[in-house]
């Protein structure tokens, strides 16, 4: 499959998040992409659709946690689905240090990410 997503592609996607590069993030997603963040107003979290909303959502994450990084990404790909596990480290808006495990569940189409659904542990 010429348009199969590879671990290297997902490494580049993770690198774009760690550079806080919303344009690069959106460029690796389909034009009708959906991004679901772990926190938000509905049971699916915060929902963003299309490149403009994806960039806006990513930039909101970077503004809320300016030093956020996703470390030690580990990828698992089967056909048009995949998972990346990571460790999020950041300073929250309240100045508290955050370190938590999480993952992204992906659906791929034509060598790009069509769906990014994020889950992360919530410290109690």
Protein backbone atom coordinates (compact mmCIF):
# COMPACT_ATOMS: atom_id res chain seq x y z
CA UNK A 1 0.00 0.00 0.00
CA UNK A 2 1.67 3.19 -1.18
CA UNK A 3 -0.41 5.42 1.07
CA UNK A 4 -0.03 3.38 4.26
CA UNK A 5 0.84 5.37 7.36
CA UNK A 6 4.17 4.33 8.90
CA UNK A 7 5.70 4.69 12.37
CA UNK A 8 8.03 7.30 10.85
CA UNK A 9 5.01 9.33 9.74
CA UNK A 10 3.60 9.18 13.28
CA UNK A 11 7.04 10.17 14.66
CA UNK A 12 6.92 13.24 12.40
CA UNK A 13 3.38 14.00 13.62
CA UNK A 14 4.55 13.76 17.24
CA UNK A 15 7.50 16.02 16.42
CA UNK A 16 5.12 18.62 14.95
CA UNK A 17 3.15 18.63 18.22
CA UNK A 18 6.36 18.99 20.24
CA UNK A 19 7.45 21.93 18.03
CA UNK A 20 4.00 23.48 18.57
CA UNK A 21 3.64 23.69 14.77
CA UNK A 22 -0.09 23.82 14.06
CA UNK A 23 0.45 24.20 10.29
CA UNK A 24 2.55 21.02 10.15
CA UNK A 25 -0.01 19.18 12.29
CA UNK A 26 -2.88 20.13 9.97
CA UNK A 27 -0.84 19.26 6.86
CA UNK A 28 -0.60 15.66 8.05
CA UNK A 29 -4.38 15.37 8.36
CA UNK A 30 -7.10 15.03 5.74
CA UNK A 31 -9.03 18.17 4.75
CA UNK A 32 -12.13 16.82 6.54
CA UNK A 33 -10.17 15.61 9.57
CA UNK A 34 -11.63 15.38 13.06
CA UNK A 35 -9.65 15.90 16.27
CA UNK A 36 -11.20 14.97 19.61
CA UNK A 37 -9.32 16.22 22.66
CA UNK A 38 -9.58 14.46 26.01
CA UNK A 39 -11.26 17.37 27.81
CA UNK A 40 -14.22 19.36 26.60
CA UNK A 41 -17.92 20.09 26.91
CA UNK A 42 -19.27 16.75 25.64
CA UNK A 43 -18.67 13.05 26.23
CA UNK A 44 -16.24 13.05 23.29
CA UNK A 45 -14.26 15.99 24.71
CA UNK A 46 -13.55 19.03 22.55
CA UNK A 47 -14.24 18.45 18.83
CA UNK A 48 -12.43 20.19 15.97
CA UNK A 49 -13.16 19.58 12.27
CA UNK A 50 -11.12 20.65 9.24
CA UNK A 51 -7.71 22.26 9.06
CA UNK A 52 -8.68 25.69 10.41
CA UNK A 53 -10.35 24.26 13.51
CA UNK A 54 -7.50 21.76 14.01
CA UNK A 55 -4.98 24.61 14.02
CA UNK A 56 -7.14 26.65 16.39
CA UNK A 57 -7.53 23.69 18.76
CA UNK A 58 -3.83 22.87 18.73
CA UNK A 59 -2.89 26.50 19.32
CA UNK A 60 -5.32 26.64 22.26
CA UNK A 61 -3.51 23.65 23.83
CA UNK A 62 -0.14 25.38 23.30
CA UNK A 63 -1.44 28.64 24.81
CA UNK A 64 -2.84 26.85 27.88
CA UNK A 65 0.38 24.84 28.43
CA UNK A 66 3.23 26.74 26.69
CA UNK A 67 5.87 24.14 27.59
CA UNK A 68 3.79 21.02 26.79
CA UNK A 69 5.62 18.05 25.31
CA UNK A 70 4.56 14.51 24.41
CA UNK A 71 7.48 12.22 25.25
CA UNK A 72 8.42 8.64 24.38
CA UNK A 73 5.87 8.08 21.61
CA UNK A 74 5.21 4.41 20.87
CA UNK A 75 3.16 3.54 17.79
CA UNK A 76 0.96 0.61 16.80
CA UNK A 77 -0.53 0.48 13.28
CA UNK A 78 -2.91 -2.07 11.77
CA UNK A 79 -4.36 -1.21 8.38
CA UNK A 80 -6.23 2.09 8.55
CA UNK A 81 -6.08 2.32 12.35
CA UNK A 82 -3.32 3.15 14.78
CA UNK A 83 -2.43 4.14 18.32
CA UNK A 84 0.34 6.30 19.71
CA UNK A 85 1.06 6.10 23.44
CA UNK A 86 2.95 8.98 25.07
CA UNK A 87 3.78 10.76 28.32
CA UNK A 88 2.54 14.35 28.52
CA UNK A 89 4.68 16.76 30.53
CA UNK A 90 3.73 20.40 31.00
CA UNK A 91 3.08 23.21 33.38
CA UNK A 92 -0.65 23.78 33.78
CA UNK A 93 -2.33 27.19 33.78
CA UNK A 94 -2.24 27.12 37.59
CA UNK A 95 1.55 26.61 37.62
CA UNK A 96 1.29 22.96 38.67
CA UNK A 97 3.55 20.44 36.96
CA UNK A 98 1.68 17.82 34.92
CA UNK A 99 3.04 14.40 33.99
CA UNK A 100 0.51 11.86 32.75
CA UNK A 101 0.18 8.96 30.35
CA UNK A 102 -2.07 9.13 27.35
CA UNK A 103 -2.70 7.94 23.83
CA UNK A 104 -4.10 8.97 20.49
CA UNK A 105 -6.33 6.60 18.56
CA UNK A 106 -6.11 7.26 14.83
CA UNK A 107 -8.01 6.46 11.69
CA UNK A 108 -6.04 6.93 8.46
CA UNK A 109 -7.10 7.69 4.90
CA UNK A 110 -4.92 8.19 1.82
CA UNK A 111 -1.72 8.30 3.89
CA UNK A 112 -3.02 11.01 6.23
CA UNK A 113 -4.76 11.17 9.60
CA UNK A 114 -8.55 11.42 9.25
CA UNK A 115 -9.33 11.07 12.97
CA UNK A 116 -7.24 11.82 16.07
CA UNK A 117 -9.04 10.82 19.27
CA UNK A 118 -7.04 11.66 22.42
CA UNK A 119 -7.25 10.01 25.84
CA UNK A 120 -5.13 10.77 28.89
CA UNK A 121 -5.00 9.80 32.53
CA UNK A 122 -6.38 12.38 34.93
CA UNK A 123 -4.47 12.66 38.20
CA UNK A 124 -6.81 12.77 41.17
